[in-house]
Amino acid sequence: MVFATKGLQMKSRALVALVCVLAVSGCAGVIAGSMVPASLGGQRPQIQPVPSPKDRLVFAIEEEGCIMTAANVDAVVARAGITREDLRVLTPELSAENRVEVSGAGAIRVLTDRCI
């Protein structure tokens, strides 16, 4: 009976050791980046760059009809994910880059392929 218990303990330890080795080797592959899920076709997903606040502002104005006025400024700022202070800083920069045109009435019109 003692021999049977020791044999069972050895088999249990070997099984636990095998499971641990397999688990650690699987994690190491994920950490090292060598394993890519089959659902991605074996290719690594492309990371899209986050648009800059300027680009988000231009896009937001395009989406609001290409012109930002006092009537839609809140919608533009919300869509762009910026503050009104950001708007005050970004507008002259975009104007200097010829990406927007500021009228005397305070309207801002974007100068893009979608809006010209």
PDB file of N, CA and C in Angstrom:
ATOM      1  N   MET A   1       0.817  -1.183   0.000  1.00  0.00           N
ATOM      2  CA  MET A   1       0.000   0.000   0.000  1.00  0.00           C
ATOM      3  C   MET A   1       0.864   1.251   0.000  1.00  0.00           C
ATOM      4  N   VAL A   2       1.954   1.274   0.717  1.00  0.00           N
ATOM      5  CA  VAL A   2       2.850   2.420   0.760  1.00  0.00           C
ATOM      6  C   VAL A   2       3.424   2.683  -0.618  1.00  0.00           C
ATOM      7  N   PHE A   3       3.779   1.605  -1.334  1.00  0.00           N
ATOM      8  CA  PHE A   3       4.340   1.776  -2.670  1.00  0.00           C
ATOM      9  C   PHE A   3       3.311   2.358  -3.635  1.00  0.00           C
ATOM     10  N   ALA A   4       2.071   1.965  -3.512  1.00  0.00           N
ATOM     11  CA  ALA A   4       1.019   2.475  -4.388  1.00  0.00           C
ATOM     12  C   ALA A   4       0.787   3.963  -4.144  1.00  0.00           C
ATOM     13  N   THR A   5       0.840   4.384  -2.903  1.00  0.00           N
ATOM     14  CA  THR A   5       0.643   5.794  -2.571  1.00  0.00           C
ATOM     15  C   THR A   5       1.787   6.638  -3.111  1.00  0.00           C
ATOM     16  N   LYS A   6       3.036   6.136  -2.955  1.00  0.00           N
ATOM     17  CA  LYS A   6       4.189   6.876  -3.476  1.00  0.00           C
ATOM     18  C   LYS A   6       4.132   6.967  -4.995  1.00  0.00           C
ATOM     19  N   GLY A   7       3.726   5.901  -5.648  1.00  0.00           N
ATOM     20  CA  GLY A   7       3.610   5.915  -7.104  1.00  0.00           C
ATOM     21  C   GLY A   7       2.566   6.909  -7.569  1.00  0.00           C
ATOM     22  N   LEU A   8       1.450   6.980  -6.852  1.00  0.00           N
ATOM     23  CA  LEU A   8       0.393   7.923  -7.174  1.00  0.00           C
ATOM     24  C   LEU A   8       0.859   9.360  -6.954  1.00  0.00           C
ATOM     25  N   GLN A   9       1.620   9.583  -5.865  1.00  0.00           N
ATOM     26  CA  GLN A   9       2.140  10.914  -5.587  1.00  0.00           C
ATOM     27  C   GLN A   9       3.114  11.339  -6.675  1.00  0.00           C
ATOM     28  N   MET A  10       3.954  10.432  -7.130  1.00  0.00           N
ATOM     29  CA  MET A  10       4.928  10.765  -8.171  1.00  0.00           C
ATOM     30  C   MET A  10       4.223  11.094  -9.481  1.00  0.00           C
ATOM     31  N   LYS A  11       3.179  10.325  -9.816  1.00  0.00           N
ATOM     32  CA  LYS A  11       2.428  10.592 -11.033  1.00  0.00           C
ATOM     33  C   LYS A  11       1.708  11.935 -10.928  1.00  0.00           C
ATOM     34  N   SER A  12       1.169  12.234  -9.757  1.00  0.00           N
ATOM     35  CA  SER A  12       0.484  13.508  -9.548  1.00  0.00           C
ATOM     36  C   SER A  12       1.445  14.670  -9.694  1.00  0.00           C
ATOM     37  N   ARG A  13       2.634  14.527  -9.094  1.00  0.00           N
ATOM     38  CA  ARG A  13       3.644  15.594  -9.194  1.00  0.00           C
ATOM     39  C   ARG A  13       4.086  15.794 -10.640  1.00  0.00           C
ATOM     40  N   ALA A  14       4.271  14.708 -11.349  1.00  0.00           N
ATOM     41  CA  ALA A  14       4.684  14.798 -12.752  1.00  0.00           C
ATOM     42  C   ALA A  14       3.604  15.485 -13.582  1.00  0.00           C
ATOM     43  N   LEU A  15       2.355  15.155 -13.310  1.00  0.00           N
ATOM     44  CA  LEU A  15       1.250  15.765 -14.033  1.00  0.00           C
ATOM     45  C   LEU A  15       1.164  17.263 -13.727  1.00  0.00           C
ATOM     46  N   VAL A  16       1.293  17.629 -12.466  1.00  0.00           N
ATOM     47  CA  VAL A  16       1.272  19.040 -12.076  1.00  0.00           C
ATOM     48  C   VAL A  16       2.433  19.779 -12.719  1.00  0.00           C
ATOM     49  N   ALA A  17       3.612  19.183 -12.713  1.00  0.00           N
ATOM     50  CA  ALA A  17       4.782  19.816 -13.327  1.00  0.00           C
ATOM     51  C   ALA A  17       4.563  20.016 -14.826  1.00  0.00           C
ATOM     52  N   LEU A  18       3.993  19.018 -15.496  1.00  0.00           N
ATOM     53  CA  LEU A  18       3.732  19.126 -16.930  1.00  0.00           C
ATOM     54  C   LEU A  18       2.741  20.249 -17.228  1.00  0.00           C
ATOM     55  N   VAL A  19       1.665  20.323 -16.451  1.00  0.00           N
ATOM     56  CA  VAL A  19       0.670  21.382 -16.639  1.00  0.00           C
ATOM     57  C   VAL A  19       1.309  22.753 -16.431  1.00  0.00           C
ATOM     58  N   CYS A  20       2.145  22.883 -15.400  1.00  0.00           N
ATOM     59  CA  CYS A  20       2.811  24.168 -15.130  1.00  0.00           C
ATOM     60  C   CYS A  20       3.735  24.564 -16.276  1.00  0.00           C
ATOM     61  N   VAL A  21       4.496  23.598 -16.778  1.00  0.00           N
ATOM     62  CA  VAL A  21       5.416  23.886 -17.893  1.00  0.00           C
ATOM     63  C   VAL A  21       4.635  24.330 -19.125  1.00  0.00           C
ATOM     64  N   LEU A  22       3.551  23.629 -19.432  1.00  0.00           N
ATOM     65  CA  LEU A  22       2.744  24.006 -20.594  1.00  0.00           C
ATOM     66  C   LEU A  22       2.112  25.384 -20.417  1.00  0.00           C
ATOM     67  N   ALA A  23       1.632  25.666 -19.230  1.00  0.00           N
ATOM     68  CA  ALA A  23       1.005  26.968 -18.973  1.00  0.00           C
ATOM     69  C   ALA A  23       2.016  28.092 -19.106  1.00  0.00           C
ATOM     70  N   VAL A  24       3.191  27.918 -18.536  1.00  0.00           N
ATOM     71  CA  VAL A  24       4.227  28.958 -18.587  1.00  0.00           C
ATOM     72  C   VAL A  24       4.726  29.134 -20.011  1.00  0.00           C
ATOM     73  N   SER A  25       4.908  28.048 -20.743  1.00  0.00           N
ATOM     74  CA  SER A  25       5.404  28.188 -22.117  1.00  0.00           C
ATOM     75  C   SER A  25       4.369  28.877 -23.000  1.00  0.00           C
ATOM     76  N   GLY A  26       3.089  28.651 -22.752  1.00  0.00           N
ATOM     77  CA  GLY A  26       2.037  29.333 -23.506  1.00  0.00           C
ATOM     78  C   GLY A  26       2.038  30.819 -23.219  1.00  0.00           C
ATOM     79  N   CYS A  27       2.198  31.194 -21.966  1.00  0.00           N
ATOM     80  CA  CYS A  27       2.240  32.612 -21.597  1.00  0.00           C
ATOM     81  C   CYS A  27       3.468  33.291 -22.155  1.00  0.00           C
ATOM     82  N   ALA A  28       4.588  32.585 -22.148  1.00  0.00           N
ATOM     83  CA  ALA A  28       5.827  33.178 -22.659  1.00  0.00           C
ATOM     84  C   ALA A  28       5.688  33.510 -24.136  1.00  0.00           C
ATOM     85  N   GLY A  29       4.968  32.644 -24.885  1.00  0.00           N
ATOM     86  CA  GLY A  29       4.763  32.923 -26.300  1.00  0.00           C
ATOM     87  C   GLY A  29       3.927  34.163 -26.509  1.00  0.00           C
ATOM     88  N   VAL A  30       2.916  34.366 -25.684  1.00  0.00           N
ATOM     89  CA  VAL A  30       2.069  35.543 -25.806  1.00  0.00           C
ATOM     90  C   VAL A  30       2.854  36.790 -25.427  1.00  0.00           C
ATOM     91  N   ILE A  31       3.624  36.698 -24.342  1.00  0.00           N
ATOM     92  CA  ILE A  31       4.414  37.841 -23.888  1.00  0.00           C
ATOM     93  C   ILE A  31       5.452  38.211 -24.935  1.00  0.00           C
ATOM     94  N   ALA A  32       6.087  37.205 -25.497  1.00  0.00           N
ATOM     95  CA  ALA A  32       7.114  37.464 -26.494  1.00  0.00           C
ATOM     96  C   ALA A  32       6.525  37.903 -27.821  1.00  0.00           C
ATOM     97  N   GLY A  33       5.216  37.750 -27.989  1.00  0.00           N
ATOM     98  CA  GLY A  33       4.570  38.188 -29.223  1.00  0.00           C
ATOM     99  C   GLY A  33       4.667  37.182 -30.345  1.00  0.00           C
ATOM    100  N   SER A  34       5.071  35.953 -30.041  1.00  0.00           N
ATOM    101  CA  SER A  34       5.222  34.968 -31.098  1.00  0.00           C
ATOM    102  C   SER A  34       3.912  34.263 -31.442  1.00  0.00           C
ATOM    103  N   MET A  35       2.905  34.421 -30.594  1.00  0.00           N
ATOM    104  CA  MET A  35       1.626  33.769 -30.862  1.00  0.00           C
ATOM    105  C   MET A  35       0.601  34.808 -31.272  1.00  0.00           C
ATOM    106  N   VAL A  36       0.019  34.634 -32.441  1.00  0.00           N
ATOM    107  CA  VAL A  36      -1.016  35.533 -32.931  1.00  0.00           C
ATOM    108  C   VAL A  36      -2.283  34.709 -33.081  1.00  0.00           C
ATOM    109  N   PRO A  37      -3.411  35.173 -32.565  1.00  0.00           N
ATOM    110  CA  PRO A  37      -4.647  34.401 -32.674  1.00  0.00           C
ATOM    111  C   PRO A  37      -4.969  34.051 -34.120  1.00  0.00           C
ATOM    112  N   ALA A  38      -5.489  32.840 -34.309  1.00  0.00           N
ATOM    113  CA  ALA A  38      -5.841  32.378 -35.652  1.00  0.00           C
ATOM    114  C   ALA A  38      -6.919  33.249 -36.277  1.00  0.00           C
ATOM    115  N   SER A  39      -7.764  33.873 -35.441  1.00  0.00           N
ATOM    116  CA  SER A  39      -8.830  34.715 -35.974  1.00  0.00           C
ATOM    117  C   SER A  39      -8.279  35.930 -36.708  1.00  0.00           C
ATOM    118  N   LEU A  40      -7.011  36.270 -36.471  1.00  0.00           N
ATOM    119  CA  LEU A  40      -6.396  37.395 -37.172  1.00  0.00           C
ATOM    120  C   LEU A  40      -5.649  36.933 -38.418  1.00  0.00           C
ATOM    121  N   GLY A  41      -5.796  35.662 -38.752  1.00  0.00           N
ATOM    122  CA  GLY A  41      -5.147  35.150 -39.955  1.00  0.00           C
ATOM    123  C   GLY A  41      -3.644  35.049 -39.816  1.00  0.00           C
ATOM    124  N   GLY A  42      -3.150  34.981 -38.584  1.00  0.00           N
ATOM    125  CA  GLY A  42      -1.711  34.883 -38.375  1.00  0.00           C
ATOM    126  C   GLY A  42      -0.995  36.202 -38.537  1.00  0.00           C
ATOM    127  N   GLN A  43      -1.718  37.279 -38.727  1.00  0.00           N
ATOM    128  CA  GLN A  43      -1.087  38.589 -38.899  1.00  0.00           C
ATOM    129  C   GLN A  43      -1.310  39.432 -37.651  1.00  0.00           C
ATOM    130  N   ARG A  44      -0.347  40.251 -37.355  1.00  0.00           N
ATOM    131  CA  ARG A  44      -0.474  41.145 -36.208  1.00  0.00           C
ATOM    132  C   ARG A  44      -1.426  42.280 -36.580  1.00  0.00           C
ATOM    133  N   PRO A  45      -2.264  42.682 -35.637  1.00  0.00           N
ATOM    134  CA  PRO A  45      -3.175  43.797 -35.933  1.00  0.00           C
ATOM    135  C   PRO A  45      -2.390  45.096 -36.113  1.00  0.00           C
ATOM    136  N   GLN A  46      -2.837  45.909 -37.041  1.00  0.00           N
ATOM    137  CA  GLN A  46      -2.208  47.203 -37.277  1.00  0.00           C
ATOM    138  C   GLN A  46      -2.731  48.204 -36.259  1.00  0.00           C
ATOM    139  N   ILE A  47      -1.845  48.899 -35.621  1.00  0.00           N
ATOM    140  CA  ILE A  47      -2.236  49.916 -34.649  1.00  0.00           C
ATOM    141  C   ILE A  47      -2.419  51.229 -35.389  1.00  0.00           C
ATOM    142  N   GLN A  48      -3.614  51.777 -35.275  1.00  0.00           N
ATOM    143  CA  GLN A  48      -3.919  53.038 -35.940  1.00  0.00           C
ATOM    144  C   GLN A  48      -3.438  54.198 -35.075  1.00  0.00           C
ATOM    145  N   PRO A  49      -2.764  55.160 -35.689  1.00  0.00           N
ATOM    146  CA  PRO A  49      -2.329  56.313 -34.906  1.00  0.00           C
ATOM    147  C   PRO A  49      -3.537  57.129 -34.444  1.00  0.00           C
ATOM    148  N   VAL A  50      -3.418  57.712 -33.296  1.00  0.00           N
ATOM    149  CA  VAL A  50      -4.485  58.555 -32.760  1.00  0.00           C
ATOM    150  C   VAL A  50      -4.414  59.902 -33.462  1.00  0.00           C
ATOM    151  N   PRO A  51      -5.531  60.377 -34.036  1.00  0.00           N
ATOM    152  CA  PRO A  51      -5.500  61.679 -34.710  1.00  0.00           C
ATOM    153  C   PRO A  51      -5.142  62.794 -33.724  1.00  0.00           C
ATOM    154  N   SER A  52      -4.423  63.766 -34.216  1.00  0.00           N
ATOM    155  CA  SER A  52      -4.034  64.907 -33.390  1.00  0.00           C
ATOM    156  C   SER A  52      -5.265  65.768 -33.110  1.00  0.00           C
ATOM    157  N   PRO A  53      -5.190  66.620 -32.094  1.00  0.00           N
ATOM    158  CA  PRO A  53      -6.311  67.525 -31.836  1.00  0.00           C
ATOM    159  C   PRO A  53      -6.646  68.399 -33.056  1.00  0.00           C
ATOM    160  N   LYS A  54      -5.642  68.819 -33.795  1.00  0.00           N
ATOM    161  CA  LYS A  54      -5.887  69.619 -35.008  1.00  0.00           C
ATOM    162  C   LYS A  54      -6.700  68.824 -36.020  1.00  0.00           C
ATOM    163  N   ASP A  55      -6.281  67.574 -36.256  1.00  0.00           N
ATOM    164  CA  ASP A  55      -6.991  66.734 -37.222  1.00  0.00           C
ATOM    165  C   ASP A  55      -8.419  66.449 -36.765  1.00  0.00           C
ATOM    166  N   ARG A  56      -8.587  66.217 -35.466  1.00  0.00           N
ATOM    167  CA  ARG A  56      -9.931  65.964 -34.940  1.00  0.00           C
ATOM    168  C   ARG A  56     -10.809  67.199 -35.102  1.00  0.00           C
ATOM    169  N   LEU A  57     -10.234  68.397 -34.884  1.00  0.00           N
ATOM    170  CA  LEU A  57     -10.999  69.630 -35.045  1.00  0.00           C
ATOM    171  C   LEU A  57     -11.420  69.822 -36.498  1.00  0.00           C
ATOM    172  N   VAL A  58     -10.505  69.630 -37.414  1.00  0.00           N
ATOM    173  CA  VAL A  58     -10.827  69.769 -38.845  1.00  0.00           C
ATOM    174  C   VAL A  58     -11.921  68.786 -39.233  1.00  0.00           C
ATOM    175  N   PHE A  59     -11.790  67.540 -38.807  1.00  0.00           N
ATOM    176  CA  PHE A  59     -12.803  66.528 -39.124  1.00  0.00           C
ATOM    177  C   PHE A  59     -14.155  66.921 -38.529  1.00  0.00           C
ATOM    178  N   ALA A  60     -14.151  67.404 -37.298  1.00  0.00           N
ATOM    179  CA  ALA A  60     -15.407  67.784 -36.635  1.00  0.00           C
ATOM    180  C   ALA A  60     -16.097  68.921 -37.386  1.00  0.00           C
ATOM    181  N   ILE A  61     -15.321  69.893 -37.861  1.00  0.00           N
ATOM    182  CA  ILE A  61     -15.912  71.009 -38.620  1.00  0.00           C
ATOM    183  C   ILE A  61     -16.454  70.481 -39.947  1.00  0.00           C
ATOM    184  N   GLU A  62     -15.719  69.565 -40.585  1.00  0.00           N
ATOM    185  CA  GLU A  62     -16.218  68.959 -41.823  1.00  0.00           C
ATOM    186  C   GLU A  62     -17.565  68.282 -41.574  1.00  0.00           C
ATOM    187  N   GLU A  63     -17.653  67.547 -40.488  1.00  0.00           N
ATOM    188  CA  GLU A  63     -18.880  66.817 -40.175  1.00  0.00           C
ATOM    189  C   GLU A  63     -20.043  67.748 -39.832  1.00  0.00           C
ATOM    190  N   GLU A  64     -19.746  68.966 -39.436  1.00  0.00           N
ATOM    191  CA  GLU A  64     -20.792  69.945 -39.102  1.00  0.00           C
ATOM    192  C   GLU A  64     -21.101  70.868 -40.276  1.00  0.00           C
ATOM    193  N   GLY A  65     -20.717  70.468 -41.475  1.00  0.00           N
ATOM    194  CA  GLY A  65     -21.052  71.242 -42.667  1.00  0.00           C
ATOM    195  C   GLY A  65     -19.944  72.133 -43.174  1.00  0.00           C
ATOM    196  N   CYS A  66     -18.717  71.909 -42.721  1.00  0.00           N
ATOM    197  CA  CYS A  66     -17.520  72.607 -43.192  1.00  0.00           C
ATOM    198  C   CYS A  66     -17.327  73.998 -42.601  1.00  0.00           C
ATOM    199  N   ILE A  67     -18.301  74.501 -41.867  1.00  0.00           N
ATOM    200  CA  ILE A  67     -18.175  75.829 -41.253  1.00  0.00           C
ATOM    201  C   ILE A  67     -18.565  75.732 -39.786  1.00  0.00           C
ATOM    202  N   MET A  68     -17.719  76.326 -38.935  1.00  0.00           N
ATOM    203  CA  MET A  68     -18.051  76.393 -37.518  1.00  0.00           C
ATOM    204  C   MET A  68     -18.476  77.820 -37.208  1.00  0.00           C
ATOM    205  N   THR A  69     -19.641  77.938 -36.596  1.00  0.00           N
ATOM    206  CA  THR A  69     -20.180  79.244 -36.209  1.00  0.00           C
ATOM    207  C   THR A  69     -20.544  79.190 -34.729  1.00  0.00           C
ATOM    208  N   ALA A  70     -21.045  80.297 -34.217  1.00  0.00           N
ATOM    209  CA  ALA A  70     -21.496  80.329 -32.823  1.00  0.00           C
ATOM    210  C   ALA A  70     -22.615  79.320 -32.592  1.00  0.00           C
ATOM    211  N   ALA A  71     -23.376  79.011 -33.632  1.00  0.00           N
ATOM    212  CA  ALA A  71     -24.505  78.091 -33.503  1.00  0.00           C
ATOM    213  C   ALA A  71     -24.064  76.633 -33.338  1.00  0.00           C
ATOM    214  N   ASN A  72     -22.910  76.255 -33.901  1.00  0.00           N
ATOM    215  CA  ASN A  72     -22.506  74.848 -33.821  1.00  0.00           C
ATOM    216  C   ASN A  72     -21.171  74.624 -33.117  1.00  0.00           C
ATOM    217  N   VAL A  73     -20.633  75.665 -32.487  1.00  0.00           N
ATOM    218  CA  VAL A  73     -19.321  75.534 -31.850  1.00  0.00           C
ATOM    219  C   VAL A  73     -19.319  74.465 -30.764  1.00  0.00           C
ATOM    220  N   ASP A  74     -20.385  74.363 -29.991  1.00  0.00           N
ATOM    221  CA  ASP A  74     -20.425  73.342 -28.938  1.00  0.00           C
ATOM    222  C   ASP A  74     -20.405  71.936 -29.525  1.00  0.00           C
ATOM    223  N   ALA A  75     -21.115  71.738 -30.607  1.00  0.00           N
ATOM    224  CA  ALA A  75     -21.135  70.428 -31.259  1.00  0.00           C
ATOM    225  C   ALA A  75     -19.760  70.087 -31.839  1.00  0.00           C
ATOM    226  N   VAL A  76     -19.099  71.073 -32.430  1.00  0.00           N
ATOM    227  CA  VAL A  76     -17.765  70.848 -33.008  1.00  0.00           C
ATOM    228  C   VAL A  76     -16.767  70.495 -31.909  1.00  0.00           C
ATOM    229  N   VAL A  77     -16.770  71.271 -30.837  1.00  0.00           N
ATOM    230  CA  VAL A  77     -15.831  71.034 -29.734  1.00  0.00           C
ATOM    231  C   VAL A  77     -16.068  69.652 -29.126  1.00  0.00           C
ATOM    232  N   ALA A  78     -17.323  69.284 -28.937  1.00  0.00           N
ATOM    233  CA  ALA A  78     -17.640  67.969 -28.373  1.00  0.00           C
ATOM    234  C   ALA A  78     -17.203  66.849 -29.313  1.00  0.00           C
ATOM    235  N   ARG A  79     -17.480  66.998 -30.594  1.00  0.00           N
ATOM    236  CA  ARG A  79     -17.123  65.968 -31.576  1.00  0.00           C
ATOM    237  C   ARG A  79     -15.609  65.809 -31.673  1.00  0.00           C
ATOM    238  N   ALA A  80     -14.882  66.927 -31.563  1.00  0.00           N
ATOM    239  CA  ALA A  80     -13.417  66.889 -31.665  1.00  0.00           C
ATOM    240  C   ALA A  80     -12.766  66.406 -30.369  1.00  0.00           C
ATOM    241  N   GLY A  81     -13.516  66.436 -29.268  1.00  0.00           N
ATOM    242  CA  GLY A  81     -12.945  66.014 -27.989  1.00  0.00           C
ATOM    243  C   GLY A  81     -11.923  66.989 -27.455  1.00  0.00           C
ATOM    244  N   ILE A  82     -12.183  68.275 -27.682  1.00  0.00           N
ATOM    245  CA  ILE A  82     -11.277  69.321 -27.205  1.00  0.00           C
ATOM    246  C   ILE A  82     -12.069  70.299 -26.337  1.00  0.00           C
ATOM    247  N   THR A  83     -11.344  71.228 -25.738  1.00  0.00           N
ATOM    248  CA  THR A  83     -11.991  72.268 -24.938  1.00  0.00           C
ATOM    249  C   THR A  83     -12.036  73.556 -25.755  1.00  0.00           C
ATOM    250  N   ARG A  84     -12.777  74.524 -25.241  1.00  0.00           N
ATOM    251  CA  ARG A  84     -12.803  75.829 -25.923  1.00  0.00           C
ATOM    252  C   ARG A  84     -11.429  76.492 -25.879  1.00  0.00           C
ATOM    253  N   GLU A  85     -10.688  76.248 -24.807  1.00  0.00           N
ATOM    254  CA  GLU A  85      -9.318  76.779 -24.734  1.00  0.00           C
ATOM    255  C   GLU A  85      -8.455  76.151 -25.825  1.00  0.00           C
ATOM    256  N   ASP A  86      -8.599  74.826 -26.035  1.00  0.00           N
ATOM    257  CA  ASP A  86      -7.883  74.165 -27.126  1.00  0.00           C
ATOM    258  C   ASP A  86      -8.253  74.801 -28.462  1.00  0.00           C
ATOM    259  N   LEU A  87      -9.528  75.114 -28.630  1.00  0.00           N
ATOM    260  CA  LEU A  87     -10.012  75.742 -29.859  1.00  0.00           C
ATOM    261  C   LEU A  87      -9.317  77.083 -30.088  1.00  0.00           C
ATOM    262  N   ARG A  88      -9.176  77.858 -29.011  1.00  0.00           N
ATOM    263  CA  ARG A  88      -8.501  79.164 -29.131  1.00  0.00           C
ATOM    264  C   ARG A  88      -7.037  79.025 -29.549  1.00  0.00           C
ATOM    265  N   VAL A  89      -6.398  77.946 -29.108  1.00  0.00           N
ATOM    266  CA  VAL A  89      -4.997  77.715 -29.453  1.00  0.00           C
ATOM    267  C   VAL A  89      -4.864  77.123 -30.861  1.00  0.00           C
ATOM    268  N   LEU A  90      -5.724  76.181 -31.188  1.00  0.00           N
ATOM    269  CA  LEU A  90      -5.602  75.452 -32.452  1.00  0.00           C
ATOM    270  C   LEU A  90      -6.014  76.269 -33.673  1.00  0.00           C
ATOM    271  N   THR A  91      -6.978  77.152 -33.519  1.00  0.00           N
ATOM    272  CA  THR A  91      -7.489  77.897 -34.669  1.00  0.00           C
ATOM    273  C   THR A  91      -6.403  78.728 -35.356  1.00  0.00           C
ATOM    274  N   PRO A  92      -5.616  79.544 -34.630  1.00  0.00           N
ATOM    275  CA  PRO A  92      -4.555  80.290 -35.321  1.00  0.00           C
ATOM    276  C   PRO A  92      -3.497  79.380 -35.953  1.00  0.00           C
ATOM    277  N   GLU A  93      -3.219  78.247 -35.301  1.00  0.00           N
ATOM    278  CA  GLU A  93      -2.242  77.316 -35.863  1.00  0.00           C
ATOM    279  C   GLU A  93      -2.757  76.732 -37.178  1.00  0.00           C
ATOM    280  N   LEU A  94      -4.021  76.333 -37.196  1.00  0.00           N
ATOM    281  CA  LEU A  94      -4.612  75.791 -38.428  1.00  0.00           C
ATOM    282  C   LEU A  94      -4.698  76.856 -39.509  1.00  0.00           C
ATOM    283  N   SER A  95      -4.960  78.083 -39.121  1.00  0.00           N
ATOM    284  CA  SER A  95      -5.005  79.180 -40.087  1.00  0.00           C
ATOM    285  C   SER A  95      -3.626  79.418 -40.695  1.00  0.00           C
ATOM    286  N   ALA A  96      -2.596  79.387 -39.862  1.00  0.00           N
ATOM    287  CA  ALA A  96      -1.222  79.578 -40.358  1.00  0.00           C
ATOM    288  C   ALA A  96      -0.812  78.450 -41.306  1.00  0.00           C
ATOM    289  N   GLU A  97      -1.396  77.271 -41.113  1.00  0.00           N
ATOM    290  CA  GLU A  97      -1.114  76.124 -41.980  1.00  0.00           C
ATOM    291  C   GLU A  97      -2.040  76.093 -43.202  1.00  0.00           C
ATOM    292  N   ASN A  98      -2.879  77.114 -43.357  1.00  0.00           N
ATOM    293  CA  ASN A  98      -3.857  77.187 -44.454  1.00  0.00           C
ATOM    294  C   ASN A  98      -4.812  76.006 -44.471  1.00  0.00           C
ATOM    295  N   ARG A  99      -5.184  75.537 -43.278  1.00  0.00           N
ATOM    296  CA  ARG A  99      -6.155  74.432 -43.186  1.00  0.00           C
ATOM    297  C   ARG A  99      -7.541  74.951 -42.838  1.00  0.00           C
ATOM    298  N   VAL A 100      -7.604  76.189 -42.315  1.00  0.00           N
ATOM    299  CA  VAL A 100      -8.886  76.827 -42.043  1.00  0.00           C
ATOM    300  C   VAL A 100      -8.804  78.286 -42.449  1.00  0.00           C
ATOM    301  N   GLU A 101      -9.994  78.860 -42.636  1.00  0.00           N
ATOM    302  CA  GLU A 101     -10.108  80.282 -42.976  1.00  0.00           C
ATOM    303  C   GLU A 101     -11.053  80.896 -41.949  1.00  0.00           C
ATOM    304  N   VAL A 102     -10.605  81.969 -41.312  1.00  0.00           N
ATOM    305  CA  VAL A 102     -11.413  82.630 -40.288  1.00  0.00           C
ATOM    306  C   VAL A 102     -12.009  83.889 -40.898  1.00  0.00           C
ATOM    307  N   SER A 103     -13.329  84.019 -40.773  1.00  0.00           N
ATOM    308  CA  SER A 103     -13.990  85.208 -41.310  1.00  0.00           C
ATOM    309  C   SER A 103     -14.072  86.277 -40.224  1.00  0.00           C
ATOM    310  N   GLY A 104     -14.358  87.490 -40.640  1.00  0.00           N
ATOM    311  CA  GLY A 104     -14.500  88.590 -39.687  1.00  0.00           C
ATOM    312  C   GLY A 104     -15.662  88.400 -38.743  1.00  0.00           C
ATOM    313  N   ALA A 105     -16.657  87.611 -39.141  1.00  0.00           N
ATOM    314  CA  ALA A 105     -17.831  87.373 -38.304  1.00  0.00           C
ATOM    315  C   ALA A 105     -17.591  86.274 -37.278  1.00  0.00           C
ATOM    316  N   GLY A 106     -16.393  85.692 -37.281  1.00  0.00           N
ATOM    317  CA  GLY A 106     -16.067  84.656 -36.314  1.00  0.00           C
ATOM    318  C   GLY A 106     -16.301  83.245 -36.799  1.00  0.00           C
ATOM    319  N   ALA A 107     -16.768  83.089 -38.013  1.00  0.00           N
ATOM    320  CA  ALA A 107     -16.963  81.747 -38.564  1.00  0.00           C
ATOM    321  C   ALA A 107     -15.612  81.182 -39.005  1.00  0.00           C
ATOM    322  N   ILE A 108     -15.478  79.887 -38.865  1.00  0.00           N
ATOM    323  CA  ILE A 108     -14.253  79.205 -39.284  1.00  0.00           C
ATOM    324  C   ILE A 108     -14.642  78.164 -40.318  1.00  0.00           C
ATOM    325  N   ARG A 109     -14.022  78.253 -41.493  1.00  0.00           N
ATOM    326  CA  ARG A 109     -14.316  77.324 -42.578  1.00  0.00           C
ATOM    327  C   ARG A 109     -13.071  76.496 -42.842  1.00  0.00           C
ATOM    328  N   VAL A 110     -13.242  75.180 -42.921  1.00  0.00           N
ATOM    329  CA  VAL A 110     -12.092  74.325 -43.203  1.00  0.00           C
ATOM    330  C   VAL A 110     -11.807  74.313 -44.694  1.00  0.00           C
ATOM    331  N   LEU A 111     -10.554  74.193 -45.029  1.00  0.00           N
ATOM    332  CA  LEU A 111     -10.104  74.163 -46.421  1.00  0.00           C
ATOM    333  C   LEU A 111      -9.537  72.771 -46.716  1.00  0.00           C
ATOM    334  N   THR A 112     -10.439  71.850 -46.980  1.00  0.00           N
ATOM    335  CA  THR A 112     -10.040  70.475 -47.276  1.00  0.00           C
ATOM    336  C   THR A 112     -10.708  70.042 -48.577  1.00  0.00           C
ATOM    337  N   ASP A 113     -10.309  68.876 -49.050  1.00  0.00           N
ATOM    338  CA  ASP A 113     -10.912  68.332 -50.276  1.00  0.00           C
ATOM    339  C   ASP A 113     -12.418  68.136 -50.114  1.00  0.00           C
ATOM    340  N   ARG A 114     -12.850  67.831 -48.922  1.00  0.00           N
ATOM    341  CA  ARG A 114     -14.282  67.614 -48.679  1.00  0.00           C
ATOM    342  C   ARG A 114     -15.068  68.931 -48.633  1.00  0.00           C
ATOM    343  N   CYS A 115     -14.395  70.046 -48.415  1.00  0.00           N
ATOM    344  CA  CYS A 115     -15.115  71.297 -48.149  1.00  0.00           C
ATOM    345  C   CYS A 115     -14.811  72.428 -49.109  1.00  0.00           C
ATOM    346  N   ILE A 116     -13.948  72.275 -50.044  1.00  0.00           N
ATOM    347  CA  ILE A 116     -13.633  73.393 -50.943  1.00  0.00           C
ATOM    348  C   ILE A 116     -14.665  73.459 -52.049  1.00  0.00           C
TER     349      ILE A 116
END
